[in-house]
């Protein structure tokens, strides 16, 4: 399953979803801000009629900017997966560029959501 969606500003944000060994992998490109937070949330958790995935990797290799809206989406996704998956659920972030990683570290999000250099490492951790 691969699904790609773009926001109203296609040059600024896009997401692609796929499943790898039962893990939803969401590849994000562009800028994560208030305007795209709902599309990011749907990509991570699925649409209303889909079951919520227990394990999610967000590949942020191509994300150039993330504000507090993106942080809120990741924290809410982590909380949702952790509470609805009988403690076997998790969210992991892969490939965050330095500027995005600094935001994750400054806010402490990297202490609750595992951050890995690559998608492969996030999948096998």
PDB file of N, CA and C in Angstrom:
ATOM      1  N   UNK A   1       0.843  -1.171   0.000  1.00  0.00           N
ATOM      2  CA  UNK A   1       0.000   0.000   0.000  1.00  0.00           C
ATOM      3  C   UNK A   1       0.884   1.227   0.000  1.00  0.00           C
ATOM      4  N   UNK A   2       0.718   2.072  -0.966  1.00  0.00           N
ATOM      5  CA  UNK A   2       1.403   3.349  -1.005  1.00  0.00           C
ATOM      6  C   UNK A   2       0.369   4.400  -1.328  1.00  0.00           C
ATOM      7  N   UNK A   3       0.371   5.455  -0.538  1.00  0.00           N
ATOM      8  CA  UNK A   3      -0.566   6.538  -0.776  1.00  0.00           C
ATOM      9  C   UNK A   3       0.214   7.842  -0.642  1.00  0.00           C
ATOM     10  N   UNK A   4       0.021   8.734  -1.554  1.00  0.00           N
ATOM     11  CA  UNK A   4       0.706  10.022  -1.525  1.00  0.00           C
ATOM     12  C   UNK A   4      -0.338  11.117  -1.501  1.00  0.00           C
ATOM     13  N   UNK A   5      -0.135  12.100  -0.614  1.00  0.00           N
ATOM     14  CA  UNK A   5      -1.020  13.247  -0.565  1.00  0.00           C
ATOM     15  C   UNK A   5      -0.179  14.503  -0.530  1.00  0.00           C
ATOM     16  N   UNK A   6      -0.715  15.561  -1.121  1.00  0.00           N
ATOM     17  CA  UNK A   6      -0.033  16.837  -1.082  1.00  0.00           C
ATOM     18  C   UNK A   6      -0.978  17.883  -0.542  1.00  0.00           C
ATOM     19  N   UNK A   7      -0.413  18.838   0.175  1.00  0.00           N
ATOM     20  CA  UNK A   7      -1.206  19.951   0.691  1.00  0.00           C
ATOM     21  C   UNK A   7      -1.474  20.936  -0.436  1.00  0.00           C
ATOM     22  N   UNK A   8      -2.145  22.031  -0.119  1.00  0.00           N
ATOM     23  CA  UNK A   8      -2.431  23.054  -1.113  1.00  0.00           C
ATOM     24  C   UNK A   8      -1.156  23.656  -1.688  1.00  0.00           C
ATOM     25  N   UNK A   9      -0.067  23.547  -0.966  1.00  0.00           N
ATOM     26  CA  UNK A   9       1.223  24.058  -1.417  1.00  0.00           C
ATOM     27  C   UNK A   9       2.114  22.863  -1.741  1.00  0.00           C
ATOM     28  N   UNK A  10       1.962  22.262  -2.913  1.00  0.00           N
ATOM     29  CA  UNK A  10       2.670  21.022  -3.210  1.00  0.00           C
ATOM     30  C   UNK A  10       4.185  21.145  -3.180  1.00  0.00           C
ATOM     31  N   UNK A  11       4.718  22.352  -3.377  1.00  0.00           N
ATOM     32  CA  UNK A  11       6.161  22.514  -3.341  1.00  0.00           C
ATOM     33  C   UNK A  11       6.683  22.603  -1.919  1.00  0.00           C
ATOM     34  N   UNK A  12       5.795  22.681  -0.936  1.00  0.00           N
ATOM     35  CA  UNK A  12       6.212  22.828   0.454  1.00  0.00           C
ATOM     36  C   UNK A  12       5.989  21.589   1.313  1.00  0.00           C
ATOM     37  N   UNK A  13       5.095  20.691   0.932  1.00  0.00           N
ATOM     38  CA  UNK A  13       4.767  19.553   1.792  1.00  0.00           C
ATOM     39  C   UNK A  13       4.168  18.416   0.979  1.00  0.00           C
ATOM     40  N   UNK A  14       4.636  17.212   1.258  1.00  0.00           N
ATOM     41  CA  UNK A  14       3.991  16.018   0.719  1.00  0.00           C
ATOM     42  C   UNK A  14       4.287  14.850   1.656  1.00  0.00           C
ATOM     43  N   UNK A  15       3.422  13.862   1.627  1.00  0.00           N
ATOM     44  CA  UNK A  15       3.614  12.651   2.426  1.00  0.00           C
ATOM     45  C   UNK A  15       3.374  11.435   1.548  1.00  0.00           C
ATOM     46  N   UNK A  16       4.114  10.395   1.837  1.00  0.00           N
ATOM     47  CA  UNK A  16       3.928   9.112   1.167  1.00  0.00           C
ATOM     48  C   UNK A  16       3.898   8.046   2.250  1.00  0.00           C
ATOM     49  N   UNK A  17       2.928   7.177   2.173  1.00  0.00           N
ATOM     50  CA  UNK A  17       2.768   6.129   3.181  1.00  0.00           C
ATOM     51  C   UNK A  17       2.992   4.765   2.554  1.00  0.00           C
ATOM     52  N   UNK A  18       3.615   3.897   3.318  1.00  0.00           N
ATOM     53  CA  UNK A  18       3.776   2.507   2.907  1.00  0.00           C
ATOM     54  C   UNK A  18       3.859   1.659   4.167  1.00  0.00           C
ATOM     55  N   UNK A  19       3.726   0.364   4.014  1.00  0.00           N
ATOM     56  CA  UNK A  19       3.824  -0.552   5.140  1.00  0.00           C
ATOM     57  C   UNK A  19       5.021  -1.466   4.901  1.00  0.00           C
ATOM     58  N   UNK A  20       5.896  -1.540   5.906  1.00  0.00           N
ATOM     59  CA  UNK A  20       7.085  -2.387   5.845  1.00  0.00           C
ATOM     60  C   UNK A  20       7.041  -3.319   7.053  1.00  0.00           C
ATOM     61  N   UNK A  21       6.870  -4.603   6.829  1.00  0.00           N
ATOM     62  CA  UNK A  21       6.808  -5.595   7.904  1.00  0.00           C
ATOM     63  C   UNK A  21       5.826  -5.193   9.007  1.00  0.00           C
ATOM     64  N   UNK A  22       4.674  -4.721   8.613  1.00  0.00           N
ATOM     65  CA  UNK A  22       3.633  -4.359   9.566  1.00  0.00           C
ATOM     66  C   UNK A  22       3.788  -2.983  10.201  1.00  0.00           C
ATOM     67  N   UNK A  23       4.794  -2.225   9.803  1.00  0.00           N
ATOM     68  CA  UNK A  23       5.035  -0.885  10.352  1.00  0.00           C
ATOM     69  C   UNK A  23       4.636   0.144   9.298  1.00  0.00           C
ATOM     70  N   UNK A  24       3.821   1.123   9.701  1.00  0.00           N
ATOM     71  CA  UNK A  24       3.484   2.211   8.779  1.00  0.00           C
ATOM     72  C   UNK A  24       4.695   3.134   8.697  1.00  0.00           C
ATOM     73  N   UNK A  25       5.218   3.327   7.493  1.00  0.00           N
ATOM     74  CA  UNK A  25       6.330   4.240   7.263  1.00  0.00           C
ATOM     75  C   UNK A  25       5.777   5.432   6.485  1.00  0.00           C
ATOM     76  N   UNK A  26       5.915   6.604   7.073  1.00  0.00           N
ATOM     77  CA  UNK A  26       5.413   7.829   6.466  1.00  0.00           C
ATOM     78  C   UNK A  26       6.616   8.692   6.097  1.00  0.00           C
ATOM     79  N   UNK A  27       6.825   8.889   4.808  1.00  0.00           N
ATOM     80  CA  UNK A  27       7.916   9.720   4.326  1.00  0.00           C
ATOM     81  C   UNK A  27       7.365  11.119   4.085  1.00  0.00           C
ATOM     82  N   UNK A  28       7.945  12.078   4.769  1.00  0.00           N
ATOM     83  CA  UNK A  28       7.463  13.454   4.728  1.00  0.00           C
ATOM     84  C   UNK A  28       8.500  14.311   4.002  1.00  0.00           C
ATOM     85  N   UNK A  29       8.014  15.217   3.165  1.00  0.00           N
ATOM     86  CA  UNK A  29       8.893  16.135   2.442  1.00  0.00           C
ATOM     87  C   UNK A  29       8.384  17.555   2.611  1.00  0.00           C
ATOM     88  N   UNK A  30       9.319  18.482   2.791  1.00  0.00           N
ATOM     89  CA  UNK A  30       8.959  19.898   2.822  1.00  0.00           C
ATOM     90  C   UNK A  30       8.900  20.462   4.218  1.00  0.00           C
ATOM     91  N   UNK A  31       7.930  21.323   4.443  1.00  0.00           N
ATOM     92  CA  UNK A  31       7.783  22.051   5.694  1.00  0.00           C
ATOM     93  C   UNK A  31       6.569  21.558   6.464  1.00  0.00           C
ATOM     94  N   UNK A  32       6.761  21.332   7.763  1.00  0.00           N
ATOM     95  CA  UNK A  32       5.659  20.928   8.636  1.00  0.00           C
ATOM     96  C   UNK A  32       5.291  22.132   9.484  1.00  0.00           C
ATOM     97  N   UNK A  33       4.094  22.642   9.250  1.00  0.00           N
ATOM     98  CA  UNK A  33       3.605  23.788  10.018  1.00  0.00           C
ATOM     99  C   UNK A  33       2.097  23.657  10.210  1.00  0.00           C
ATOM    100  N   UNK A  34       1.490  24.715  10.715  1.00  0.00           N
ATOM    101  CA  UNK A  34       0.058  24.715  11.030  1.00  0.00           C
ATOM    102  C   UNK A  34      -0.806  24.338   9.819  1.00  0.00           C
ATOM    103  N   UNK A  35      -0.408  24.791   8.649  1.00  0.00           N
ATOM    104  CA  UNK A  35      -1.216  24.569   7.449  1.00  0.00           C
ATOM    105  C   UNK A  35      -1.318  23.101   7.045  1.00  0.00           C
ATOM    106  N   UNK A  36      -0.359  22.284   7.438  1.00  0.00           N
ATOM    107  CA  UNK A  36      -0.333  20.887   6.986  1.00  0.00           C
ATOM    108  C   UNK A  36      -0.494  19.880   8.123  1.00  0.00           C
ATOM    109  N   UNK A  37      -0.729  20.352   9.346  1.00  0.00           N
ATOM    110  CA  UNK A  37      -0.777  19.432  10.485  1.00  0.00           C
ATOM    111  C   UNK A  37      -1.861  18.368  10.353  1.00  0.00           C
ATOM    112  N   UNK A  38      -3.002  18.704   9.797  1.00  0.00           N
ATOM    113  CA  UNK A  38      -4.066  17.698   9.651  1.00  0.00           C
ATOM    114  C   UNK A  38      -3.687  16.615   8.642  1.00  0.00           C
ATOM    115  N   UNK A  39      -3.035  16.994   7.559  1.00  0.00           N
ATOM    116  CA  UNK A  39      -2.579  15.999   6.578  1.00  0.00           C
ATOM    117  C   UNK A  39      -1.509  15.092   7.187  1.00  0.00           C
ATOM    118  N   UNK A  40      -0.627  15.666   8.002  1.00  0.00           N
ATOM    119  CA  UNK A  40       0.389  14.857   8.673  1.00  0.00           C
ATOM    120  C   UNK A  40      -0.265  13.886   9.643  1.00  0.00           C
ATOM    121  N   UNK A  41      -1.219  14.355  10.432  1.00  0.00           N
ATOM    122  CA  UNK A  41      -1.915  13.503  11.397  1.00  0.00           C
ATOM    123  C   UNK A  41      -2.612  12.337  10.695  1.00  0.00           C
ATOM    124  N   UNK A  42      -3.296  12.618   9.583  1.00  0.00           N
ATOM    125  CA  UNK A  42      -3.980  11.551   8.834  1.00  0.00           C
ATOM    126  C   UNK A  42      -2.990  10.564   8.243  1.00  0.00           C
ATOM    127  N   UNK A  43      -1.857  11.061   7.785  1.00  0.00           N
ATOM    128  CA  UNK A  43      -0.846  10.161   7.227  1.00  0.00           C
ATOM    129  C   UNK A  43      -0.288   9.240   8.303  1.00  0.00           C
ATOM    130  N   UNK A  44      -0.081   9.765   9.504  1.00  0.00           N
ATOM    131  CA  UNK A  44       0.466   8.962  10.592  1.00  0.00           C
ATOM    132  C   UNK A  44      -0.554   7.979  11.150  1.00  0.00           C
ATOM    133  N   UNK A  45      -1.755   8.438  11.415  1.00  0.00           N
ATOM    134  CA  UNK A  45      -2.763   7.608  12.088  1.00  0.00           C
ATOM    135  C   UNK A  45      -3.741   6.929  11.146  1.00  0.00           C
ATOM    136  N   UNK A  46      -3.785   7.354   9.903  1.00  0.00           N
ATOM    137  CA  UNK A  46      -4.743   6.783   8.969  1.00  0.00           C
ATOM    138  C   UNK A  46      -6.041   7.559   8.975  1.00  0.00           C
ATOM    139  N   UNK A  47      -6.856   7.268   8.019  1.00  0.00           N
ATOM    140  CA  UNK A  47      -8.155   7.926   7.918  1.00  0.00           C
ATOM    141  C   UNK A  47      -9.099   7.349   8.968  1.00  0.00           C
ATOM    142  N   UNK A  48     -10.208   8.037   9.179  1.00  0.00           N
ATOM    143  CA  UNK A  48     -11.158   7.651  10.225  1.00  0.00           C
ATOM    144  C   UNK A  48     -11.653   6.220  10.096  1.00  0.00           C
ATOM    145  N   UNK A  49     -11.777   5.703   8.872  1.00  0.00           N
ATOM    146  CA  UNK A  49     -12.309   4.356   8.688  1.00  0.00           C
ATOM    147  C   UNK A  49     -11.224   3.280   8.687  1.00  0.00           C
ATOM    148  N   UNK A  50      -9.966   3.665   8.894  1.00  0.00           N
ATOM    149  CA  UNK A  50      -8.869   2.706   8.931  1.00  0.00           C
ATOM    150  C   UNK A  50      -8.484   2.395  10.375  1.00  0.00           C
ATOM    151  N   UNK A  51      -8.006   1.190  10.639  1.00  0.00           N
ATOM    152  CA  UNK A  51      -7.511   0.902  11.984  1.00  0.00           C
ATOM    153  C   UNK A  51      -6.235   1.696  12.250  1.00  0.00           C
ATOM    154  N   UNK A  52      -6.075   2.127  13.489  1.00  0.00           N
ATOM    155  CA  UNK A  52      -4.881   2.878  13.871  1.00  0.00           C
ATOM    156  C   UNK A  52      -3.687   1.936  13.886  1.00  0.00           C
ATOM    157  N   UNK A  53      -2.602   2.307  13.208  1.00  0.00           N
ATOM    158  CA  UNK A  53      -1.424   1.435  13.213  1.00  0.00           C
ATOM    159  C   UNK A  53      -0.784   1.404  14.600  1.00  0.00           C
ATOM    160  N   UNK A  54      -0.221   0.268  14.964  1.00  0.00           N
ATOM    161  CA  UNK A  54       0.426   0.144  16.275  1.00  0.00           C
ATOM    162  C   UNK A  54       1.852   0.674  16.250  1.00  0.00           C
ATOM    163  N   UNK A  55       2.484   0.604  15.084  1.00  0.00           N
ATOM    164  CA  UNK A  55       3.886   1.027  14.979  1.00  0.00           C
ATOM    165  C   UNK A  55       4.048   1.939  13.773  1.00  0.00           C
ATOM    166  N   UNK A  56       4.714   3.078  14.003  1.00  0.00           N
ATOM    167  CA  UNK A  56       4.851   4.102  12.960  1.00  0.00           C
ATOM    168  C   UNK A  56       6.277   4.627  12.939  1.00  0.00           C
ATOM    169  N   UNK A  57       6.838   4.727  11.741  1.00  0.00           N
ATOM    170  CA  UNK A  57       8.113   5.415  11.553  1.00  0.00           C
ATOM    171  C   UNK A  57       7.847   6.610  10.648  1.00  0.00           C
ATOM    172  N   UNK A  58       8.262   7.787  11.095  1.00  0.00           N
ATOM    173  CA  UNK A  58       8.161   8.999  10.287  1.00  0.00           C
ATOM    174  C   UNK A  58       9.546   9.330   9.754  1.00  0.00           C
ATOM    175  N   UNK A  59       9.701   9.216   8.447  1.00  0.00           N
ATOM    176  CA  UNK A  59      10.967   9.533   7.797  1.00  0.00           C
ATOM    177  C   UNK A  59      10.970  11.024   7.482  1.00  0.00           C
ATOM    178  N   UNK A  60      11.791  11.777   8.221  1.00  0.00           N
ATOM    179  CA  UNK A  60      11.842  13.229   8.064  1.00  0.00           C
ATOM    180  C   UNK A  60      13.087  13.688   7.317  1.00  0.00           C
ATOM    181  N   UNK A  61      13.716  12.797   6.580  1.00  0.00           N
ATOM    182  CA  UNK A  61      14.948  13.122   5.861  1.00  0.00           C
ATOM    183  C   UNK A  61      14.785  14.362   4.984  1.00  0.00           C
ATOM    184  N   UNK A  62      13.645  14.513   4.350  1.00  0.00           N
ATOM    185  CA  UNK A  62      13.422  15.625   3.424  1.00  0.00           C
ATOM    186  C   UNK A  62      12.601  16.756   4.035  1.00  0.00           C
ATOM    187  N   UNK A  63      12.492  16.792   5.362  1.00  0.00           N
ATOM    188  CA  UNK A  63      11.772  17.888   6.025  1.00  0.00           C
ATOM    189  C   UNK A  63      12.768  19.002   6.308  1.00  0.00           C
ATOM    190  N   UNK A  64      12.451  20.188   5.823  1.00  0.00           N
ATOM    191  CA  UNK A  64      13.360  21.329   5.957  1.00  0.00           C
ATOM    192  C   UNK A  64      12.986  22.260   7.099  1.00  0.00           C
ATOM    193  N   UNK A  65      11.759  22.124   7.623  1.00  0.00           N
ATOM    194  CA  UNK A  65      11.289  23.009   8.686  1.00  0.00           C
ATOM    195  C   UNK A  65      10.179  22.308   9.444  1.00  0.00           C
ATOM    196  N   UNK A  66      10.151  22.477  10.774  1.00  0.00           N
ATOM    197  CA  UNK A  66       9.045  21.972  11.574  1.00  0.00           C
ATOM    198  C   UNK A  66       8.814  22.926  12.733  1.00  0.00           C
ATOM    199  N   UNK A  67       7.576  23.366  12.904  1.00  0.00           N
ATOM    200  CA  UNK A  67       7.251  24.222  14.035  1.00  0.00           C
ATOM    201  C   UNK A  67       6.495  23.421  15.098  1.00  0.00           C
ATOM    202  N   UNK A  68       5.948  24.114  16.071  1.00  0.00           N
ATOM    203  CA  UNK A  68       5.278  23.444  17.193  1.00  0.00           C
ATOM    204  C   UNK A  68       4.063  22.637  16.746  1.00  0.00           C
ATOM    205  N   UNK A  69       3.475  22.971  15.628  1.00  0.00           N
ATOM    206  CA  UNK A  69       2.340  22.192  15.116  1.00  0.00           C
ATOM    207  C   UNK A  69       2.770  20.760  14.830  1.00  0.00           C
ATOM    208  N   UNK A  70       3.919  20.605  14.199  1.00  0.00           N
ATOM    209  CA  UNK A  70       4.441  19.275  13.924  1.00  0.00           C
ATOM    210  C   UNK A  70       4.784  18.523  15.196  1.00  0.00           C
ATOM    211  N   UNK A  71       5.404  19.225  16.145  1.00  0.00           N
ATOM    212  CA  UNK A  71       5.717  18.603  17.437  1.00  0.00           C
ATOM    213  C   UNK A  71       4.449  18.083  18.101  1.00  0.00           C
ATOM    214  N   UNK A  72       3.404  18.907  18.083  1.00  0.00           N
ATOM    215  CA  UNK A  72       2.134  18.507  18.700  1.00  0.00           C
ATOM    216  C   UNK A  72       1.552  17.272  18.026  1.00  0.00           C
ATOM    217  N   UNK A  73       1.649  17.194  16.706  1.00  0.00           N
ATOM    218  CA  UNK A  73       1.139  16.029  15.985  1.00  0.00           C
ATOM    219  C   UNK A  73       1.902  14.777  16.399  1.00  0.00           C
ATOM    220  N   UNK A  74       3.223  14.872  16.477  1.00  0.00           N
ATOM    221  CA  UNK A  74       4.016  13.700  16.854  1.00  0.00           C
ATOM    222  C   UNK A  74       3.744  13.264  18.286  1.00  0.00           C
ATOM    223  N   UNK A  75       3.641  14.208  19.210  1.00  0.00           N
ATOM    224  CA  UNK A  75       3.365  13.852  20.606  1.00  0.00           C
ATOM    225  C   UNK A  75       1.972  13.241  20.735  1.00  0.00           C
ATOM    226  N   UNK A  76       0.980  13.829  20.086  1.00  0.00           N
ATOM    227  CA  UNK A  76      -0.385  13.283  20.138  1.00  0.00           C
ATOM    228  C   UNK A  76      -0.437  11.891  19.505  1.00  0.00           C
ATOM    229  N   UNK A  77       0.290  11.698  18.421  1.00  0.00           N
ATOM    230  CA  UNK A  77       0.343  10.379  17.779  1.00  0.00           C
ATOM    231  C   UNK A  77       0.988   9.366  18.712  1.00  0.00           C
ATOM    232  N   UNK A  78       2.077   9.754  19.340  1.00  0.00           N
ATOM    233  CA  UNK A  78       2.745   8.874  20.314  1.00  0.00           C
ATOM    234  C   UNK A  78       1.780   8.487  21.439  1.00  0.00           C
ATOM    235  N   UNK A  79       1.082   9.465  21.991  1.00  0.00           N
ATOM    236  CA  UNK A  79       0.141   9.183  23.081  1.00  0.00           C
ATOM    237  C   UNK A  79      -0.985   8.267  22.606  1.00  0.00           C
ATOM    238  N   UNK A  80      -1.495   8.526  21.424  1.00  0.00           N
ATOM    239  CA  UNK A  80      -2.607   7.729  20.905  1.00  0.00           C
ATOM    240  C   UNK A  80      -2.177   6.280  20.667  1.00  0.00           C
ATOM    241  N   UNK A  81      -1.041   6.093  20.031  1.00  0.00           N
ATOM    242  CA  UNK A  81      -0.561   4.741  19.733  1.00  0.00           C
ATOM    243  C   UNK A  81      -0.191   4.008  21.016  1.00  0.00           C
ATOM    244  N   UNK A  82       0.402   4.708  21.954  1.00  0.00           N
ATOM    245  CA  UNK A  82       0.818   4.079  23.214  1.00  0.00           C
ATOM    246  C   UNK A  82      -0.373   3.628  24.050  1.00  0.00           C
ATOM    247  N   UNK A  83      -1.460   4.368  24.008  1.00  0.00           N
ATOM    248  CA  UNK A  83      -2.610   4.035  24.846  1.00  0.00           C
ATOM    249  C   UNK A  83      -3.594   3.087  24.174  1.00  0.00           C
ATOM    250  N   UNK A  84      -3.594   3.030  22.856  1.00  0.00           N
ATOM    251  CA  UNK A  84      -4.563   2.164  22.183  1.00  0.00           C
ATOM    252  C   UNK A  84      -3.954   0.851  21.710  1.00  0.00           C
ATOM    253  N   UNK A  85      -2.664   0.672  21.923  1.00  0.00           N
ATOM    254  CA  UNK A  85      -2.004  -0.525  21.397  1.00  0.00           C
ATOM    255  C   UNK A  85      -1.480  -1.442  22.495  1.00  0.00           C
ATOM    256  N   UNK A  86      -2.035  -1.368  23.677  1.00  0.00           N
ATOM    257  CA  UNK A  86      -1.621  -2.233  24.787  1.00  0.00           C
ATOM    258  C   UNK A  86      -0.111  -2.211  25.020  1.00  0.00           C
ATOM    259  N   UNK A  87       0.475  -1.029  24.957  1.00  0.00           N
ATOM    260  CA  UNK A  87       1.889  -0.784  25.239  1.00  0.00           C
ATOM    261  C   UNK A  87       2.850  -1.412  24.241  1.00  0.00           C
ATOM    262  N   UNK A  88       2.360  -2.009  23.162  1.00  0.00           N
ATOM    263  CA  UNK A  88       3.264  -2.511  22.133  1.00  0.00           C
ATOM    264  C   UNK A  88       3.427  -1.496  21.003  1.00  0.00           C
ATOM    265  N   UNK A  89       2.620  -0.459  21.015  1.00  0.00           N
ATOM    266  CA  UNK A  89       2.688   0.545  19.964  1.00  0.00           C
ATOM    267  C   UNK A  89       3.809   1.537  20.208  1.00  0.00           C
ATOM    268  N   UNK A  90       4.321   2.089  19.109  1.00  0.00           N
ATOM    269  CA  UNK A  90       5.356   3.104  19.215  1.00  0.00           C
ATOM    270  C   UNK A  90       5.388   3.973  17.975  1.00  0.00           C
ATOM    271  N   UNK A  91       6.005   5.148  18.149  1.00  0.00           N
ATOM    272  CA  UNK A  91       6.290   6.067  17.054  1.00  0.00           C
ATOM    273  C   UNK A  91       7.784   6.325  17.101  1.00  0.00           C
ATOM    274  N   UNK A  92       8.425   6.308  15.935  1.00  0.00           N
ATOM    275  CA  UNK A  92       9.848   6.616  15.835  1.00  0.00           C
ATOM    276  C   UNK A  92      10.063   7.610  14.711  1.00  0.00           C
ATOM    277  N   UNK A  93      11.041   8.463  14.892  1.00  0.00           N
ATOM    278  CA  UNK A  93      11.396   9.462  13.888  1.00  0.00           C
ATOM    279  C   UNK A  93      12.735   9.069  13.290  1.00  0.00           C
ATOM    280  N   UNK A  94      12.830   9.161  11.973  1.00  0.00           N
ATOM    281  CA  UNK A  94      14.064   8.793  11.274  1.00  0.00           C
ATOM    282  C   UNK A  94      14.561   9.952  10.416  1.00  0.00           C
ATOM    283  N   UNK A  95      15.880  10.107  10.376  1.00  0.00           N
ATOM    284  CA  UNK A  95      16.520  10.995   9.422  1.00  0.00           C
ATOM    285  C   UNK A  95      16.289  12.475   9.580  1.00  0.00           C
ATOM    286  N   UNK A  96      15.946  12.934  10.774  1.00  0.00           N
ATOM    287  CA  UNK A  96      15.696  14.370  10.959  1.00  0.00           C
ATOM    288  C   UNK A  96      16.960  15.180  10.670  1.00  0.00           C
ATOM    289  N   UNK A  97      16.816  16.209   9.837  1.00  0.00           N
ATOM    290  CA  UNK A  97      17.929  17.113   9.562  1.00  0.00           C
ATOM    291  C   UNK A  97      18.291  17.870  10.840  1.00  0.00           C
ATOM    292  N   UNK A  98      19.477  18.443  10.868  1.00  0.00           N
ATOM    293  CA  UNK A  98      19.968  19.119  12.071  1.00  0.00           C
ATOM    294  C   UNK A  98      18.984  20.152  12.612  1.00  0.00           C
ATOM    295  N   UNK A  99      18.408  20.969  11.744  1.00  0.00           N
ATOM    296  CA  UNK A  99      17.493  22.019  12.218  1.00  0.00           C
ATOM    297  C   UNK A  99      16.244  21.422  12.865  1.00  0.00           C
ATOM    298  N   UNK A 100      15.730  20.350  12.298  1.00  0.00           N
ATOM    299  CA  UNK A 100      14.555  19.682  12.864  1.00  0.00           C
ATOM    300  C   UNK A 100      14.945  18.936  14.139  1.00  0.00           C
ATOM    301  N   UNK A 101      16.100  18.303  14.137  1.00  0.00           N
ATOM    302  CA  UNK A 101      16.566  17.575  15.322  1.00  0.00           C
ATOM    303  C   UNK A 101      16.755  18.524  16.506  1.00  0.00           C
ATOM    304  N   UNK A 102      17.257  19.723  16.246  1.00  0.00           N
ATOM    305  CA  UNK A 102      17.418  20.708  17.332  1.00  0.00           C
ATOM    306  C   UNK A 102      16.071  21.039  17.973  1.00  0.00           C
ATOM    307  N   UNK A 103      15.041  21.177  17.159  1.00  0.00           N
ATOM    308  CA  UNK A 103      13.697  21.462  17.691  1.00  0.00           C
ATOM    309  C   UNK A 103      13.226  20.290  18.547  1.00  0.00           C
ATOM    310  N   UNK A 104      13.440  19.081  18.074  1.00  0.00           N
ATOM    311  CA  UNK A 104      13.045  17.894  18.846  1.00  0.00           C
ATOM    312  C   UNK A 104      13.800  17.820  20.169  1.00  0.00           C
ATOM    313  N   UNK A 105      15.078  18.154  20.155  1.00  0.00           N
ATOM    314  CA  UNK A 105      15.896  18.104  21.370  1.00  0.00           C
ATOM    315  C   UNK A 105      15.560  19.238  22.331  1.00  0.00           C
ATOM    316  N   UNK A 106      15.409  20.448  21.812  1.00  0.00           N
ATOM    317  CA  UNK A 106      15.122  21.599  22.678  1.00  0.00           C
ATOM    318  C   UNK A 106      13.798  21.444  23.418  1.00  0.00           C
ATOM    319  N   UNK A 107      12.855  20.775  22.799  1.00  0.00           N
ATOM    320  CA  UNK A 107      11.540  20.603  23.416  1.00  0.00           C
ATOM    321  C   UNK A 107      11.416  19.309  24.209  1.00  0.00           C
ATOM    322  N   UNK A 108      12.421  18.446  24.112  1.00  0.00           N
ATOM    323  CA  UNK A 108      12.390  17.184  24.837  1.00  0.00           C
ATOM    324  C   UNK A 108      11.599  16.086  24.151  1.00  0.00           C
ATOM    325  N   UNK A 109      11.100  16.339  22.959  1.00  0.00           N
ATOM    326  CA  UNK A 109      10.328  15.328  22.249  1.00  0.00           C
ATOM    327  C   UNK A 109      11.204  14.109  21.941  1.00  0.00           C
ATOM    328  N   UNK A 110      12.501  14.337  21.726  1.00  0.00           N
ATOM    329  CA  UNK A 110      13.398  13.205  21.441  1.00  0.00           C
ATOM    330  C   UNK A 110      13.547  12.265  22.626  1.00  0.00           C
ATOM    331  N   UNK A 111      13.128  12.694  23.819  1.00  0.00           N
ATOM    332  CA  UNK A 111      13.192  11.811  24.989  1.00  0.00           C
ATOM    333  C   UNK A 111      11.962  10.908  25.109  1.00  0.00           C
ATOM    334  N   UNK A 112      10.886  11.258  24.417  1.00  0.00           N
ATOM    335  CA  UNK A 112       9.692  10.402  24.472  1.00  0.00           C
ATOM    336  C   UNK A 112       9.459   9.644  23.170  1.00  0.00           C
ATOM    337  N   UNK A 113      10.004  10.172  22.071  1.00  0.00           N
ATOM    338  CA  UNK A 113       9.893   9.509  20.775  1.00  0.00           C
ATOM    339  C   UNK A 113      11.309   9.214  20.295  1.00  0.00           C
ATOM    340  N   UNK A 114      11.594   7.955  20.040  1.00  0.00           N
ATOM    341  CA  UNK A 114      12.926   7.570  19.581  1.00  0.00           C
ATOM    342  C   UNK A 114      13.265   8.207  18.247  1.00  0.00           C
ATOM    343  N   UNK A 115      14.482   8.743  18.159  1.00  0.00           N
ATOM    344  CA  UNK A 115      14.965   9.373  16.927  1.00  0.00           C
ATOM    345  C   UNK A 115      16.177   8.599  16.427  1.00  0.00           C
ATOM    346  N   UNK A 116      16.167   8.254  15.152  1.00  0.00           N
ATOM    347  CA  UNK A 116      17.199   7.413  14.557  1.00  0.00           C
ATOM    348  C   UNK A 116      17.730   8.064  13.288  1.00  0.00           C
ATOM    349  N   UNK A 117      18.989   7.797  12.951  1.00  0.00           N
ATOM    350  CA  UNK A 117      19.577   8.405  11.754  1.00  0.00           C
ATOM    351  C   UNK A 117      18.918   7.967  10.439  1.00  0.00           C
ATOM    352  N   UNK A 118      18.431   6.723  10.383  1.00  0.00           N
ATOM    353  CA  UNK A 118      17.843   6.213   9.140  1.00  0.00           C
ATOM    354  C   UNK A 118      16.535   5.481   9.414  1.00  0.00           C
ATOM    355  N   UNK A 119      15.755   5.330   8.373  1.00  0.00           N
ATOM    356  CA  UNK A 119      14.510   4.571   8.486  1.00  0.00           C
ATOM    357  C   UNK A 119      14.796   3.119   8.836  1.00  0.00           C
ATOM    358  N   UNK A 120      15.822   2.550   8.236  1.00  0.00           N
ATOM    359  CA  UNK A 120      16.179   1.159   8.500  1.00  0.00           C
ATOM    360  C   UNK A 120      16.501   0.953   9.976  1.00  0.00           C
ATOM    361  N   UNK A 121      17.246   1.891  10.570  1.00  0.00           N
ATOM    362  CA  UNK A 121      17.573   1.773  11.992  1.00  0.00           C
ATOM    363  C   UNK A 121      16.318   1.927  12.852  1.00  0.00           C
ATOM    364  N   UNK A 122      15.440   2.800  12.467  1.00  0.00           N
ATOM    365  CA  UNK A 122      14.193   2.971  13.215  1.00  0.00           C
ATOM    366  C   UNK A 122      13.328   1.720  13.134  1.00  0.00           C
ATOM    367  N   UNK A 123      13.319   1.061  12.000  1.00  0.00           N
ATOM    368  CA  UNK A 123      12.526  -0.160  11.838  1.00  0.00           C
ATOM    369  C   UNK A 123      13.067  -1.331  12.636  1.00  0.00           C
ATOM    370  N   UNK A 124      14.380  -1.384  12.840  1.00  0.00           N
ATOM    371  CA  UNK A 124      14.985  -2.546  13.479  1.00  0.00           C
ATOM    372  C   UNK A 124      15.395  -2.306  14.927  1.00  0.00           C
ATOM    373  N   UNK A 125      15.169  -1.116  15.438  1.00  0.00           N
ATOM    374  CA  UNK A 125      15.577  -0.798  16.813  1.00  0.00           C
ATOM    375  C   UNK A 125      14.791  -1.590  17.839  1.00  0.00           C
TER     376      UNK A 125
END
